[in-house]
Amino acid sequence: MRGVMSDSFSIVKIGGSQYKVSIGDVFKIEQVKGKAGDKLTFDKVYLIYSKGKVSVGKPIVRGAKVEAKIIDQIKGEKIKILKYKAKSRYRRKIGHRQRYTRIEITKV
């Protein structure tokens, strides 16, 4: 689910993961608090590529920020967990649905 392709992008740390983002990208991240329409700002920018120029941080680029807008809060696919121990009549079946936040990048 990529937005409009542009000639600039950034590498940003959001939660515990790093993402390659550009303006207009829509993707899901670990859940963050907020409602649809709220603004988010990420300041851990590791790399910026714009118009043929590359800025690499040591470890982050100073003064660089990426702004995003929350689209909605969603849940992922259900994962089934089965536990079994032989010869002891032990069986457990539980499920889990991870929560995510869908965001759109508005400014790099």
C-alpha atoms as a PDB file:
ATOM      1  CA  MET A   1       0.000   0.000   0.000  1.00  0.00           C
ATOM      2  CA  ARG A   2       2.340   2.681  -1.211  1.00  0.00           C
ATOM      3  CA  GLY A   3       1.275   6.223  -1.985  1.00  0.00           C
ATOM      4  CA  VAL A   4       2.535   8.521  -4.706  1.00  0.00           C
ATOM      5  CA  MET A   5       6.101   7.683  -5.747  1.00  0.00           C
ATOM      6  CA  SER A   6       8.460  10.552  -5.130  1.00  0.00           C
ATOM      7  CA  ASP A   7      12.176  11.116  -5.589  1.00  0.00           C
ATOM      8  CA  SER A   8      12.776  11.559  -1.853  1.00  0.00           C
ATOM      9  CA  PHE A   9      12.537   9.205   1.100  1.00  0.00           C
ATOM     10  CA  SER A  10      13.679   8.785   4.695  1.00  0.00           C
ATOM     11  CA  ILE A  11      14.578   5.921   7.007  1.00  0.00           C
ATOM     12  CA  VAL A  12      12.709   6.400  10.304  1.00  0.00           C
ATOM     13  CA  LYS A  13      12.520   4.433  13.552  1.00  0.00           C
ATOM     14  CA  ILE A  14       8.922   3.989  14.672  1.00  0.00           C
ATOM     15  CA  GLY A  15       8.396   1.838  17.734  1.00  0.00           C
ATOM     16  CA  GLY A  16      10.929  -0.973  17.515  1.00  0.00           C
ATOM     17  CA  SER A  17      11.169  -1.055  13.707  1.00  0.00           C
ATOM     18  CA  GLN A  18      12.756   0.990  10.938  1.00  0.00           C
ATOM     19  CA  TYR A  19      10.696   2.037   7.910  1.00  0.00           C
ATOM     20  CA  LYS A  20      11.524   3.559   4.536  1.00  0.00           C
ATOM     21  CA  VAL A  21       8.940   6.336   4.139  1.00  0.00           C
ATOM     22  CA  SER A  22       8.067   9.017   1.627  1.00  0.00           C
ATOM     23  CA  ILE A  23       5.225  11.518   1.431  1.00  0.00           C
ATOM     24  CA  GLY A  24       1.861   9.846   0.827  1.00  0.00           C
ATOM     25  CA  ASP A  25       2.849   6.381   2.089  1.00  0.00           C
ATOM     26  CA  VAL A  26       0.162   4.504   4.023  1.00  0.00           C
ATOM     27  CA  PHE A  27       1.159   1.558   6.210  1.00  0.00           C
ATOM     28  CA  LYS A  28       0.561  -0.043   9.596  1.00  0.00           C
ATOM     29  CA  ILE A  29       2.796   0.285  12.647  1.00  0.00           C
ATOM     30  CA  GLU A  30       2.683  -0.964  16.227  1.00  0.00           C
ATOM     31  CA  GLN A  31      -0.280   0.553  18.020  1.00  0.00           C
ATOM     32  CA  VAL A  32       0.143   4.109  19.293  1.00  0.00           C
ATOM     33  CA  LYS A  33      -2.425   6.023  21.299  1.00  0.00           C
ATOM     34  CA  GLY A  34      -4.599   8.428  19.382  1.00  0.00           C
ATOM     35  CA  LYS A  35      -7.744   8.786  17.319  1.00  0.00           C
ATOM     36  CA  ALA A  36      -8.275   9.035  13.583  1.00  0.00           C
ATOM     37  CA  GLY A  37      -7.027  12.414  12.354  1.00  0.00           C
ATOM     38  CA  ASP A  38      -4.451  12.944  15.132  1.00  0.00           C
ATOM     39  CA  LYS A  39      -0.950  14.056  14.115  1.00  0.00           C
ATOM     40  CA  LEU A  40       2.227  12.138  14.994  1.00  0.00           C
ATOM     41  CA  THR A  41       5.834  13.337  14.846  1.00  0.00           C
ATOM     42  CA  PHE A  42       8.816  10.992  14.587  1.00  0.00           C
ATOM     43  CA  ASP A  43      12.240  12.522  15.275  1.00  0.00           C
ATOM     44  CA  LYS A  44      14.487   9.447  15.009  1.00  0.00           C
ATOM     45  CA  VAL A  45      15.399   9.906  11.343  1.00  0.00           C
ATOM     46  CA  TYR A  46      18.451   7.884  10.301  1.00  0.00           C
ATOM     47  CA  LEU A  47      18.729   8.861   6.636  1.00  0.00           C
ATOM     48  CA  ILE A  48      17.244  11.413   4.248  1.00  0.00           C
ATOM     49  CA  TYR A  49      17.476  11.160   0.461  1.00  0.00           C
ATOM     50  CA  SER A  50      16.199  14.179  -1.466  1.00  0.00           C
ATOM     51  CA  LYS A  51      16.959  15.366  -5.015  1.00  0.00           C
ATOM     52  CA  GLY A  52      20.133  13.297  -5.295  1.00  0.00           C
ATOM     53  CA  LYS A  53      21.500  14.358  -1.888  1.00  0.00           C
ATOM     54  CA  VAL A  54      21.945  11.902   0.953  1.00  0.00           C
ATOM     55  CA  SER A  55      22.104  12.923   4.628  1.00  0.00           C
ATOM     56  CA  VAL A  56      23.170  10.141   6.955  1.00  0.00           C
ATOM     57  CA  GLY A  57      22.872  10.616  10.713  1.00  0.00           C
ATOM     58  CA  LYS A  58      25.346   9.617  13.386  1.00  0.00           C
ATOM     59  CA  PRO A  59      23.094   7.950  14.587  1.00  0.00           C
ATOM     60  CA  ILE A  60      20.223  10.360  13.750  1.00  0.00           C
ATOM     61  CA  VAL A  61      19.958  13.380  11.460  1.00  0.00           C
ATOM     62  CA  ARG A  62      19.752  16.497  13.632  1.00  0.00           C
ATOM     63  CA  GLY A  63      16.638  18.613  13.251  1.00  0.00           C
ATOM     64  CA  ALA A  64      14.940  16.150  10.903  1.00  0.00           C
ATOM     65  CA  LYS A  65      11.332  15.149  11.586  1.00  0.00           C
ATOM     66  CA  VAL A  66       8.718  13.059   9.854  1.00  0.00           C
ATOM     67  CA  GLU A  67       5.069  13.925  10.391  1.00  0.00           C
ATOM     68  CA  ALA A  68       2.190  11.504   9.968  1.00  0.00           C
ATOM     69  CA  LYS A  69      -1.585  11.404  10.365  1.00  0.00           C
ATOM     70  CA  ILE A  70      -3.463   8.524  12.018  1.00  0.00           C
ATOM     71  CA  ILE A  71      -5.993   6.993   9.643  1.00  0.00           C
ATOM     72  CA  ASP A  72      -7.454   4.364  11.993  1.00  0.00           C
ATOM     73  CA  GLN A  73      -6.786   1.740  14.655  1.00  0.00           C
ATOM     74  CA  ILE A  74      -6.975  -1.848  13.366  1.00  0.00           C
ATOM     75  CA  LYS A  75      -6.420  -5.444  14.457  1.00  0.00           C
ATOM     76  CA  GLY A  76      -4.296  -7.959  12.597  1.00  0.00           C
ATOM     77  CA  GLU A  77      -5.061 -11.554  11.630  1.00  0.00           C
ATOM     78  CA  LYS A  78      -5.886 -14.014  14.406  1.00  0.00           C
ATOM     79  CA  ILE A  79      -2.973 -16.248  15.378  1.00  0.00           C
ATOM     80  CA  LYS A  80      -3.823 -19.611  16.948  1.00  0.00           C
ATOM     81  CA  ILE A  81      -1.466 -20.955  19.598  1.00  0.00           C
ATOM     82  CA  LEU A  82      -1.618 -24.657  20.466  1.00  0.00           C
ATOM     83  CA  LYS A  83       0.198 -26.183  23.441  1.00  0.00           C
ATOM     84  CA  TYR A  84       0.460 -29.946  23.857  1.00  0.00           C
ATOM     85  CA  LYS A  85       2.301 -32.299  26.166  1.00  0.00           C
ATOM     86  CA  ALA A  86       2.336 -35.985  25.356  1.00  0.00           C
ATOM     87  CA  LYS A  87       0.991 -38.593  27.795  1.00  0.00           C
ATOM     88  CA  SER A  88      -0.323 -36.036  30.296  1.00  0.00           C
ATOM     89  CA  ARG A  89      -3.683 -34.950  28.793  1.00  0.00           C
ATOM     90  CA  TYR A  90      -2.421 -31.356  28.588  1.00  0.00           C
ATOM     91  CA  ARG A  91      -3.802 -29.336  25.673  1.00  0.00           C
ATOM     92  CA  ARG A  92      -4.370 -25.581  25.394  1.00  0.00           C
ATOM     93  CA  LYS A  93      -5.693 -23.561  22.476  1.00  0.00           C
ATOM     94  CA  ILE A  94      -5.570 -19.770  22.649  1.00  0.00           C
ATOM     95  CA  GLY A  95      -5.751 -17.004  20.071  1.00  0.00           C
ATOM     96  CA  HIS A  96      -4.188 -13.571  19.689  1.00  0.00           C
ATOM     97  CA  ARG A  97      -4.878 -10.529  17.486  1.00  0.00           C
ATOM     98  CA  GLN A  98      -2.157  -7.876  17.359  1.00  0.00           C
ATOM     99  CA  ARG A  99      -3.314  -4.252  17.373  1.00  0.00           C
ATOM    100  CA  TYR A 100      -1.946  -1.831  14.771  1.00  0.00           C
ATOM    101  CA  THR A 101      -2.272   1.818  13.843  1.00  0.00           C
ATOM    102  CA  ARG A 102      -2.601   2.710  10.151  1.00  0.00           C
ATOM    103  CA  ILE A 103      -0.814   5.991   9.354  1.00  0.00           C
ATOM    104  CA  GLU A 104      -0.193   8.226   6.344  1.00  0.00           C
ATOM    105  CA  ILE A 105       3.047  10.187   5.984  1.00  0.00           C
ATOM    106  CA  THR A 106       2.289  13.885   5.439  1.00  0.00           C
ATOM    107  CA  LYS A 107       5.665  15.623   5.722  1.00  0.00           C
ATOM    108  CA  VAL A 108       9.332  14.602   5.590  1.00  0.00           C
END
